[in-house]
Amino acid sequence: MKAVIKTQGRQFTVTEGDVLFVNRFKDTNAGDSVSIDTVLAVGEGEGMTFGAPTVEGASVSATILENKRGKKITVIKKKRRKGYRLKQGHRQEISVIKIDSIQS
């Protein structure tokens, strides 16, 4: 069974057993279980159910495998002939989750 979920500001199409990299869930540790209630669509093939905007009573449960930081990106700003240069780095906080079950 497939589900389209919205979590941490992004949408994902998931099945049971999928591993996702999402923005970090606050106040959680590795091994914690989370429930995602914002399910936009659930089912497969002709039995697909679409929500308006979400499917009532549907939820997806997931386990947090790891909380970590993503790859570092470098942001460089420059204005020519003005002597203005700025260099910043950023690492996004992410959670690695595994989809356990989909309830429709």
N, C-alpha and C. Protein backbone atom coordinates (compact mmCIF):
# COMPACT_ATOMS: atom_id res chain seq x y z
N MET A 1 0.84 -1.17 0.00
CA MET A 1 0.00 0.00 0.00
C MET A 1 0.89 1.24 0.00
N LYS A 2 0.48 2.25 -0.75
CA LYS A 2 1.23 3.50 -0.85
C LYS A 2 0.46 4.60 -0.14
N ALA A 3 1.20 5.62 0.27
CA ALA A 3 0.59 6.80 0.88
C ALA A 3 1.39 8.02 0.48
N VAL A 4 0.69 9.13 0.33
CA VAL A 4 1.33 10.42 0.10
C VAL A 4 1.17 11.19 1.40
N ILE A 5 2.30 11.52 2.04
CA ILE A 5 2.27 12.19 3.33
C ILE A 5 2.92 13.56 3.23
N LYS A 6 2.56 14.42 4.16
CA LYS A 6 3.20 15.72 4.27
C LYS A 6 3.77 15.81 5.67
N THR A 7 5.09 15.95 5.76
CA THR A 7 5.75 16.07 7.05
C THR A 7 6.94 17.00 6.93
N GLN A 8 7.13 17.79 7.96
CA GLN A 8 8.27 18.70 8.05
C GLN A 8 8.33 19.64 6.84
N GLY A 9 7.18 20.02 6.29
CA GLY A 9 7.13 20.98 5.20
C GLY A 9 7.35 20.40 3.82
N ARG A 10 7.46 19.08 3.69
CA ARG A 10 7.67 18.46 2.38
C ARG A 10 6.71 17.29 2.21
N GLN A 11 6.46 16.91 0.95
CA GLN A 11 5.58 15.79 0.65
C GLN A 11 6.39 14.61 0.14
N PHE A 12 5.98 13.40 0.55
CA PHE A 12 6.66 12.18 0.15
C PHE A 12 5.64 11.13 -0.23
N THR A 13 5.97 10.30 -1.21
CA THR A 13 5.20 9.11 -1.52
C THR A 13 5.94 7.94 -0.88
N VAL A 14 5.27 7.21 0.02
CA VAL A 14 5.94 6.19 0.81
C VAL A 14 5.21 4.86 0.74
N THR A 15 5.96 3.79 0.97
CA THR A 15 5.42 2.46 1.20
C THR A 15 6.05 1.94 2.48
N GLU A 16 5.56 0.83 2.98
CA GLU A 16 6.11 0.28 4.21
C GLU A 16 7.55 -0.16 3.97
N GLY A 17 8.43 0.17 4.91
CA GLY A 17 9.83 -0.19 4.81
C GLY A 17 10.72 0.87 4.19
N ASP A 18 10.15 1.95 3.68
CA ASP A 18 10.95 3.03 3.08
C ASP A 18 11.75 3.76 4.15
N VAL A 19 12.92 4.25 3.77
CA VAL A 19 13.76 5.06 4.64
C VAL A 19 13.83 6.46 4.03
N LEU A 20 13.50 7.48 4.84
CA LEU A 20 13.45 8.86 4.37
C LEU A 20 14.38 9.75 5.17
N PHE A 21 14.87 10.79 4.53
CA PHE A 21 15.64 11.84 5.18
C PHE A 21 14.73 13.07 5.22
N VAL A 22 14.29 13.47 6.42
CA VAL A 22 13.39 14.60 6.58
C VAL A 22 14.01 15.59 7.55
N ASN A 23 13.46 16.81 7.60
CA ASN A 23 13.91 17.78 8.58
C ASN A 23 13.67 17.22 9.97
N ARG A 24 14.52 17.55 10.90
CA ARG A 24 14.52 16.92 12.22
C ARG A 24 13.21 17.13 12.97
N PHE A 25 12.74 16.03 13.59
CA PHE A 25 11.61 16.09 14.51
C PHE A 25 12.13 16.61 15.84
N LYS A 26 11.48 17.61 16.41
CA LYS A 26 11.94 18.21 17.66
C LYS A 26 11.71 17.27 18.83
N ASP A 27 12.61 17.31 19.77
CA ASP A 27 12.52 16.56 21.03
C ASP A 27 12.36 15.06 20.83
N THR A 28 13.08 14.49 19.87
CA THR A 28 13.05 13.05 19.65
C THR A 28 14.47 12.51 19.65
N ASN A 29 14.57 11.22 19.92
CA ASN A 29 15.87 10.54 19.90
C ASN A 29 15.77 9.33 18.99
N ALA A 30 16.92 8.72 18.71
CA ALA A 30 16.94 7.51 17.89
C ALA A 30 16.14 6.42 18.59
N GLY A 31 15.31 5.71 17.84
CA GLY A 31 14.50 4.64 18.39
C GLY A 31 13.09 5.07 18.75
N ASP A 32 12.82 6.38 18.79
CA ASP A 32 11.47 6.86 19.09
C ASP A 32 10.53 6.59 17.93
N SER A 33 9.27 6.47 18.24
CA SER A 33 8.25 6.25 17.22
C SER A 33 7.45 7.53 17.03
N VAL A 34 7.17 7.89 15.79
CA VAL A 34 6.37 9.07 15.49
C VAL A 34 5.19 8.67 14.62
N SER A 35 4.11 9.42 14.76
CA SER A 35 2.92 9.18 13.95
C SER A 35 2.69 10.40 13.07
N ILE A 36 2.50 10.18 11.79
CA ILE A 36 2.28 11.26 10.83
C ILE A 36 0.81 11.19 10.42
N ASP A 37 0.05 12.22 10.79
CA ASP A 37 -1.39 12.21 10.56
C ASP A 37 -1.79 12.97 9.30
N THR A 38 -0.88 13.69 8.69
CA THR A 38 -1.19 14.47 7.49
C THR A 38 -0.99 13.57 6.27
N VAL A 39 -1.99 12.75 5.98
CA VAL A 39 -1.95 11.83 4.84
C VAL A 39 -2.83 12.41 3.74
N LEU A 40 -2.23 12.72 2.59
CA LEU A 40 -2.95 13.35 1.50
C LEU A 40 -3.64 12.35 0.60
N ALA A 41 -3.08 11.14 0.47
CA ALA A 41 -3.68 10.08 -0.35
C ALA A 41 -3.19 8.75 0.18
N VAL A 42 -4.04 7.71 0.05
CA VAL A 42 -3.66 6.39 0.53
C VAL A 42 -4.33 5.35 -0.36
N GLY A 43 -3.65 4.21 -0.55
CA GLY A 43 -4.19 3.14 -1.37
C GLY A 43 -3.25 2.79 -2.49
N GLU A 44 -3.80 2.01 -3.45
CA GLU A 44 -2.99 1.61 -4.59
C GLU A 44 -3.91 1.28 -5.76
N GLY A 45 -3.54 1.74 -6.93
CA GLY A 45 -4.32 1.43 -8.14
C GLY A 45 -5.70 2.07 -8.10
N GLU A 46 -6.74 1.25 -8.39
CA GLU A 46 -8.11 1.75 -8.41
C GLU A 46 -8.62 2.09 -7.02
N GLY A 47 -8.03 1.51 -5.99
CA GLY A 47 -8.48 1.76 -4.61
C GLY A 47 -7.85 2.96 -3.95
N MET A 48 -7.28 3.86 -4.72
CA MET A 48 -6.61 5.05 -4.17
C MET A 48 -7.65 6.02 -3.63
N THR A 49 -7.45 6.49 -2.40
CA THR A 49 -8.34 7.45 -1.76
C THR A 49 -7.60 8.76 -1.61
N PHE A 50 -8.21 9.83 -2.09
CA PHE A 50 -7.61 11.16 -2.02
C PHE A 50 -8.36 11.99 -1.00
N GLY A 51 -7.61 12.75 -0.23
CA GLY A 51 -8.21 13.60 0.79
C GLY A 51 -8.49 14.99 0.27
N ALA A 52 -9.31 15.72 1.04
CA ALA A 52 -9.61 17.09 0.67
C ALA A 52 -9.52 17.96 1.92
N PRO A 53 -8.40 18.35 2.43
CA PRO A 53 -7.05 18.14 1.94
C PRO A 53 -6.39 16.86 2.47
N THR A 54 -6.90 16.28 3.58
CA THR A 54 -6.29 15.06 4.10
C THR A 54 -7.32 13.95 4.18
N VAL A 55 -6.85 12.71 4.25
CA VAL A 55 -7.72 11.55 4.39
C VAL A 55 -8.05 11.38 5.87
N GLU A 56 -9.34 11.35 6.19
CA GLU A 56 -9.80 11.23 7.57
C GLU A 56 -9.44 9.86 8.13
N GLY A 57 -8.85 9.81 9.31
CA GLY A 57 -8.54 8.57 10.00
C GLY A 57 -7.30 7.84 9.52
N ALA A 58 -6.64 8.35 8.50
CA ALA A 58 -5.43 7.70 7.98
C ALA A 58 -4.21 8.25 8.71
N SER A 59 -3.25 7.37 8.96
CA SER A 59 -2.00 7.80 9.59
C SER A 59 -0.89 6.87 9.17
N VAL A 60 0.32 7.35 9.33
CA VAL A 60 1.52 6.58 9.00
C VAL A 60 2.40 6.59 10.24
N SER A 61 2.85 5.41 10.67
CA SER A 61 3.75 5.36 11.82
C SER A 61 5.17 5.08 11.32
N ALA A 62 6.11 5.74 11.96
CA ALA A 62 7.51 5.63 11.56
C ALA A 62 8.40 5.58 12.79
N THR A 63 9.59 5.02 12.62
CA THR A 63 10.59 4.95 13.67
C THR A 63 11.79 5.80 13.28
N ILE A 64 12.29 6.58 14.20
CA ILE A 64 13.47 7.41 13.94
C ILE A 64 14.71 6.53 14.09
N LEU A 65 15.44 6.38 13.00
CA LEU A 65 16.66 5.58 13.02
C LEU A 65 17.84 6.39 13.56
N GLU A 66 17.87 7.70 13.19
CA GLU A 66 19.04 8.50 13.53
C GLU A 66 18.71 9.98 13.39
N ASN A 67 19.24 10.80 14.26
CA ASN A 67 19.22 12.25 14.12
C ASN A 67 20.64 12.70 13.81
N LYS A 68 20.80 13.44 12.74
CA LYS A 68 22.14 13.87 12.36
C LYS A 68 22.08 15.20 11.63
N ARG A 69 23.21 15.62 11.12
CA ARG A 69 23.29 16.85 10.34
C ARG A 69 23.63 16.50 8.90
N GLY A 70 23.05 17.24 7.96
CA GLY A 70 23.27 16.99 6.55
C GLY A 70 24.61 17.52 6.08
N LYS A 71 24.81 17.46 4.78
CA LYS A 71 26.05 17.96 4.20
C LYS A 71 26.12 19.48 4.32
N LYS A 72 27.34 19.98 4.42
CA LYS A 72 27.52 21.42 4.56
C LYS A 72 27.41 22.09 3.19
N ILE A 73 26.65 23.18 3.17
CA ILE A 73 26.60 23.99 1.96
C ILE A 73 27.24 25.33 2.28
N THR A 74 27.83 25.95 1.28
CA THR A 74 28.49 27.23 1.44
C THR A 74 27.74 28.28 0.65
N VAL A 75 27.41 29.39 1.30
CA VAL A 75 26.71 30.49 0.67
C VAL A 75 27.70 31.64 0.56
N ILE A 76 27.94 32.12 -0.66
CA ILE A 76 28.88 33.21 -0.89
C ILE A 76 28.13 34.37 -1.53
N LYS A 77 28.30 35.56 -0.94
CA LYS A 77 27.70 36.76 -1.50
C LYS A 77 28.83 37.72 -1.84
N LYS A 78 28.70 38.42 -2.98
CA LYS A 78 29.75 39.34 -3.40
C LYS A 78 29.12 40.45 -4.22
N LYS A 79 29.58 41.65 -3.99
CA LYS A 79 29.18 42.78 -4.81
C LYS A 79 30.44 43.32 -5.47
N ARG A 80 30.45 43.32 -6.76
CA ARG A 80 31.67 43.70 -7.47
C ARG A 80 32.01 45.18 -7.28
N ARG A 81 33.28 45.42 -7.23
CA ARG A 81 33.87 46.76 -7.10
C ARG A 81 33.51 47.47 -5.80
N LYS A 82 32.94 46.79 -4.84
CA LYS A 82 32.55 47.43 -3.59
C LYS A 82 33.34 46.90 -2.40
N GLY A 83 34.11 45.84 -2.59
CA GLY A 83 34.86 45.27 -1.50
C GLY A 83 34.00 44.46 -0.54
N TYR A 84 32.80 44.10 -0.97
CA TYR A 84 31.87 43.36 -0.11
C TYR A 84 31.94 41.88 -0.46
N ARG A 85 32.35 41.09 0.51
CA ARG A 85 32.35 39.63 0.35
C ARG A 85 31.86 39.02 1.65
N LEU A 86 31.01 38.00 1.53
CA LEU A 86 30.46 37.34 2.70
C LEU A 86 30.40 35.84 2.41
N LYS A 87 30.91 35.06 3.33
CA LYS A 87 30.90 33.61 3.18
C LYS A 87 30.27 33.00 4.42
N GLN A 88 29.24 32.19 4.22
CA GLN A 88 28.54 31.53 5.31
C GLN A 88 28.41 30.05 5.01
N GLY A 89 28.38 29.24 6.04
CA GLY A 89 28.13 27.81 5.90
C GLY A 89 26.85 27.43 6.62
N HIS A 90 26.23 26.35 6.18
CA HIS A 90 24.99 25.88 6.80
C HIS A 90 24.93 24.37 6.72
N ARG A 91 24.50 23.74 7.83
CA ARG A 91 24.25 22.29 7.85
C ARG A 91 22.85 22.09 8.40
N GLN A 92 22.01 21.43 7.61
CA GLN A 92 20.62 21.21 8.00
C GLN A 92 20.52 20.06 8.99
N GLU A 93 19.71 20.22 10.03
CA GLU A 93 19.43 19.16 10.99
C GLU A 93 18.42 18.21 10.36
N ILE A 94 18.73 16.91 10.28
CA ILE A 94 17.83 15.96 9.64
C ILE A 94 17.59 14.75 10.53
N SER A 95 16.47 14.09 10.28
CA SER A 95 16.14 12.82 10.93
C SER A 95 16.02 11.77 9.84
N VAL A 96 16.57 10.60 10.10
CA VAL A 96 16.42 9.46 9.20
C VAL A 96 15.31 8.60 9.78
N ILE A 97 14.21 8.42 9.02
CA ILE A 97 13.08 7.66 9.54
C ILE A 97 12.78 6.47 8.65
N LYS A 98 12.21 5.43 9.24
CA LYS A 98 11.79 4.24 8.52
C LYS A 98 10.28 4.09 8.71
N ILE A 99 9.57 3.93 7.59
CA ILE A 99 8.12 3.80 7.63
C ILE A 99 7.77 2.38 8.09
N ASP A 100 7.03 2.29 9.20
CA ASP A 100 6.66 0.99 9.76
C ASP A 100 5.33 0.48 9.22
N SER A 101 4.29 1.32 9.28
CA SER A 101 2.98 0.87 8.83
C SER A 101 2.16 2.04 8.33
N ILE A 102 1.18 1.70 7.49
CA ILE A 102 0.26 2.68 6.93
C ILE A 102 -1.16 2.23 7.28
N GLN A 103 -1.87 3.06 8.04
CA GLN A 103 -3.26 2.75 8.39
C GLN A 103 -4.19 3.64 7.58
N SER A 104 -5.19 3.04 6.96
CA SER A 104 -6.09 3.86 6.13
C SER A 104 -7.45 4.03 6.76
